[in-house]
N, C-alpha and C. Protein backbone atom coordinates (compact mmCIF):
# COMPACT_ATOMS: atom_id res chain seq x y z
N UNK A 1 18.42 -16.16 -10.11
CA UNK A 1 19.37 -15.25 -10.73
C UNK A 1 19.85 -15.85 -12.05
N UNK A 2 20.15 -14.97 -12.98
CA UNK A 2 20.61 -15.44 -14.28
C UNK A 2 22.09 -15.78 -14.21
N UNK A 3 22.49 -16.83 -14.89
CA UNK A 3 23.85 -17.35 -14.81
C UNK A 3 24.92 -16.36 -15.25
N UNK A 4 24.73 -15.69 -16.36
CA UNK A 4 25.78 -14.84 -16.92
C UNK A 4 25.67 -13.38 -16.51
N UNK A 5 24.85 -13.08 -15.54
CA UNK A 5 24.66 -11.71 -15.10
C UNK A 5 25.59 -11.42 -13.93
N UNK A 6 26.23 -10.25 -13.97
CA UNK A 6 27.07 -9.81 -12.86
C UNK A 6 26.19 -8.98 -11.93
N UNK A 7 26.23 -9.28 -10.64
CA UNK A 7 25.40 -8.59 -9.66
C UNK A 7 26.25 -7.72 -8.76
N UNK A 8 25.60 -6.71 -8.18
CA UNK A 8 26.26 -5.87 -7.19
C UNK A 8 25.38 -5.80 -5.95
N UNK A 9 26.01 -5.61 -4.80
CA UNK A 9 25.29 -5.48 -3.55
C UNK A 9 24.84 -4.04 -3.38
N UNK A 10 23.58 -3.84 -3.01
CA UNK A 10 23.05 -2.50 -2.77
C UNK A 10 22.30 -2.50 -1.45
N UNK A 11 21.76 -1.35 -1.08
CA UNK A 11 21.01 -1.26 0.17
C UNK A 11 19.73 -2.09 0.14
N UNK A 12 19.27 -2.51 -1.03
CA UNK A 12 18.08 -3.36 -1.12
C UNK A 12 18.43 -4.81 -1.45
N UNK A 13 19.71 -5.12 -1.51
CA UNK A 13 20.15 -6.47 -1.83
C UNK A 13 20.85 -6.54 -3.17
N UNK A 14 21.04 -7.74 -3.69
CA UNK A 14 21.73 -7.94 -4.96
C UNK A 14 20.84 -7.54 -6.13
N UNK A 15 21.43 -6.78 -7.06
CA UNK A 15 20.74 -6.40 -8.29
C UNK A 15 21.74 -6.50 -9.44
N UNK A 16 21.27 -6.65 -10.68
CA UNK A 16 22.20 -6.68 -11.81
C UNK A 16 23.07 -5.42 -11.82
N UNK A 17 24.32 -5.60 -12.21
CA UNK A 17 25.31 -4.53 -12.15
C UNK A 17 24.90 -3.27 -12.91
N UNK A 18 24.15 -3.41 -14.01
CA UNK A 18 23.78 -2.24 -14.80
C UNK A 18 22.46 -1.60 -14.36
N UNK A 19 21.86 -2.06 -13.27
CA UNK A 19 20.65 -1.46 -12.72
C UNK A 19 21.02 -0.39 -11.71
N UNK A 20 20.08 0.50 -11.41
CA UNK A 20 20.25 1.51 -10.37
C UNK A 20 19.13 1.37 -9.36
N UNK A 21 19.39 1.77 -8.13
CA UNK A 21 18.36 1.80 -7.10
C UNK A 21 17.78 3.21 -7.09
N UNK A 22 16.46 3.30 -7.17
CA UNK A 22 15.77 4.60 -7.14
C UNK A 22 14.53 4.49 -6.28
N UNK A 23 14.06 5.61 -5.80
CA UNK A 23 12.78 5.66 -5.11
C UNK A 23 11.69 5.64 -6.17
N UNK A 24 10.60 4.96 -5.89
CA UNK A 24 9.52 4.82 -6.85
C UNK A 24 9.02 6.17 -7.34
N UNK A 25 8.88 7.14 -6.45
CA UNK A 25 8.40 8.46 -6.83
C UNK A 25 9.35 9.22 -7.74
N UNK A 26 10.62 8.81 -7.82
CA UNK A 26 11.59 9.45 -8.71
C UNK A 26 11.48 8.96 -10.14
N UNK A 27 10.91 7.77 -10.34
CA UNK A 27 10.88 7.19 -11.68
C UNK A 27 9.48 6.90 -12.19
N UNK A 28 8.46 7.18 -11.36
CA UNK A 28 7.08 6.87 -11.76
C UNK A 28 6.13 7.88 -11.17
N UNK A 29 4.97 7.97 -11.77
CA UNK A 29 3.90 8.81 -11.22
C UNK A 29 3.10 7.98 -10.24
N UNK A 30 2.94 8.49 -9.04
CA UNK A 30 2.17 7.79 -8.03
C UNK A 30 0.81 8.45 -7.94
N UNK A 31 -0.23 7.69 -8.23
CA UNK A 31 -1.59 8.23 -8.23
C UNK A 31 -2.44 7.43 -7.26
N UNK A 32 -3.37 8.12 -6.62
CA UNK A 32 -4.29 7.44 -5.71
C UNK A 32 -5.71 7.87 -6.03
N UNK A 33 -6.65 7.14 -5.50
CA UNK A 33 -8.05 7.51 -5.64
C UNK A 33 -8.71 7.06 -6.92
N UNK A 34 -8.02 6.27 -7.70
CA UNK A 34 -8.60 5.77 -8.94
C UNK A 34 -8.74 4.26 -8.86
N UNK A 35 -9.71 3.75 -9.56
CA UNK A 35 -9.86 2.30 -9.63
C UNK A 35 -8.83 1.72 -10.58
N UNK A 36 -8.40 0.52 -10.27
CA UNK A 36 -7.47 -0.17 -11.16
C UNK A 36 -8.18 -0.53 -12.45
N UNK A 37 -7.46 -0.57 -13.57
CA UNK A 37 -8.09 -0.98 -14.83
C UNK A 37 -8.69 -2.38 -14.69
N UNK A 38 -9.86 -2.57 -15.24
CA UNK A 38 -10.54 -3.87 -15.20
C UNK A 38 -10.71 -4.37 -16.63
N UNK A 39 -10.49 -5.61 -16.84
CA UNK A 39 -10.71 -6.21 -18.16
C UNK A 39 -9.42 -6.46 -18.91
N UNK A 40 -9.44 -7.55 -19.63
CA UNK A 40 -8.25 -8.00 -20.37
C UNK A 40 -7.78 -7.00 -21.41
N UNK A 41 -8.70 -6.19 -21.97
CA UNK A 41 -8.30 -5.27 -23.04
C UNK A 41 -7.29 -4.23 -22.56
N UNK A 42 -7.22 -3.97 -21.25
CA UNK A 42 -6.26 -3.00 -20.71
C UNK A 42 -4.88 -3.61 -20.46
N UNK A 43 -4.81 -4.92 -20.44
CA UNK A 43 -3.55 -5.60 -20.14
C UNK A 43 -2.94 -6.29 -21.36
N UNK A 44 -3.72 -6.54 -22.40
CA UNK A 44 -3.23 -7.22 -23.59
C UNK A 44 -2.13 -6.38 -24.25
N UNK A 45 -0.98 -7.00 -24.52
CA UNK A 45 0.19 -6.33 -25.09
C UNK A 45 0.62 -5.13 -24.26
N UNK A 46 0.50 -5.26 -22.95
CA UNK A 46 0.85 -4.16 -22.05
C UNK A 46 2.33 -3.83 -22.09
N UNK A 47 2.64 -2.55 -21.88
CA UNK A 47 4.04 -2.12 -21.89
C UNK A 47 4.39 -1.20 -20.72
N UNK A 48 3.40 -0.77 -19.93
CA UNK A 48 3.65 0.12 -18.80
C UNK A 48 3.40 -0.63 -17.50
N UNK A 49 4.38 -0.64 -16.58
CA UNK A 49 4.16 -1.31 -15.31
C UNK A 49 3.03 -0.65 -14.53
N UNK A 50 2.13 -1.45 -14.00
CA UNK A 50 1.04 -0.98 -13.15
C UNK A 50 1.17 -1.74 -11.84
N UNK A 51 1.51 -1.01 -10.78
CA UNK A 51 1.79 -1.64 -9.50
C UNK A 51 0.60 -1.42 -8.57
N UNK A 52 0.10 -2.50 -8.03
CA UNK A 52 -1.01 -2.45 -7.07
C UNK A 52 -0.43 -2.62 -5.66
N UNK A 53 -1.18 -2.21 -4.67
CA UNK A 53 -0.74 -2.38 -3.29
C UNK A 53 -0.44 -3.85 -3.02
N UNK A 54 -1.21 -4.75 -3.59
CA UNK A 54 -1.00 -6.18 -3.36
C UNK A 54 0.32 -6.68 -3.95
N UNK A 55 0.96 -5.89 -4.81
CA UNK A 55 2.24 -6.27 -5.39
C UNK A 55 3.42 -5.88 -4.50
N UNK A 56 3.16 -5.18 -3.40
CA UNK A 56 4.22 -4.71 -2.52
C UNK A 56 4.30 -5.58 -1.28
N UNK A 57 5.49 -5.60 -0.69
CA UNK A 57 5.66 -6.32 0.57
C UNK A 57 5.94 -5.30 1.67
N UNK A 58 5.89 -5.72 2.91
CA UNK A 58 6.17 -4.82 4.04
C UNK A 58 7.66 -4.66 4.31
N UNK A 59 8.49 -5.37 3.60
CA UNK A 59 9.93 -5.31 3.82
C UNK A 59 10.53 -4.19 2.97
N UNK A 60 10.31 -2.96 3.34
CA UNK A 60 10.86 -1.83 2.60
C UNK A 60 10.13 -1.57 1.30
N UNK A 61 8.89 -2.03 1.20
CA UNK A 61 8.08 -1.82 0.00
C UNK A 61 8.76 -2.36 -1.25
N UNK A 62 9.31 -3.53 -1.16
CA UNK A 62 9.90 -4.18 -2.33
C UNK A 62 8.78 -4.60 -3.28
N UNK A 63 8.94 -4.27 -4.54
CA UNK A 63 7.95 -4.69 -5.53
C UNK A 63 8.18 -6.17 -5.80
N UNK A 64 7.18 -6.99 -5.50
CA UNK A 64 7.34 -8.43 -5.68
C UNK A 64 6.75 -8.92 -6.99
N UNK A 65 5.90 -8.11 -7.61
CA UNK A 65 5.36 -8.42 -8.93
C UNK A 65 4.64 -7.18 -9.44
N UNK A 66 4.25 -7.18 -10.69
CA UNK A 66 3.48 -6.07 -11.24
C UNK A 66 2.77 -6.53 -12.50
N UNK A 67 1.79 -5.74 -12.93
CA UNK A 67 1.07 -6.00 -14.18
C UNK A 67 1.56 -5.01 -15.22
N UNK A 68 1.36 -5.33 -16.48
CA UNK A 68 1.68 -4.40 -17.57
C UNK A 68 0.37 -3.96 -18.21
N UNK A 69 0.18 -2.64 -18.33
CA UNK A 69 -1.02 -2.11 -18.97
C UNK A 69 -0.65 -1.48 -20.31
N UNK A 70 -1.65 -1.30 -21.15
CA UNK A 70 -1.41 -0.71 -22.47
C UNK A 70 -1.94 0.72 -22.52
N UNK A 71 -1.92 1.34 -23.69
CA UNK A 71 -2.35 2.73 -23.85
C UNK A 71 -3.84 2.93 -23.59
N UNK A 72 -4.65 1.89 -23.69
CA UNK A 72 -6.09 2.02 -23.43
C UNK A 72 -6.39 2.31 -21.97
N UNK A 73 -5.51 1.84 -21.09
CA UNK A 73 -5.73 2.01 -19.66
C UNK A 73 -5.49 3.45 -19.29
């Protein structure tokens, strides 16, 4: 946790005070049946979160990490 950040308790645990808890489907497009982008050119200078199944945990589907993709992807 960052030293100067104020946190609040939520149903998913502590988060920075200025964050909100949302369902993934409310803030992102969920797509299936497509292959993940392959190759560094899709990730270089990435700005869009790309979440893979391997980035999720079984504890309420908490996102534990993600990749950033660019406009080429």
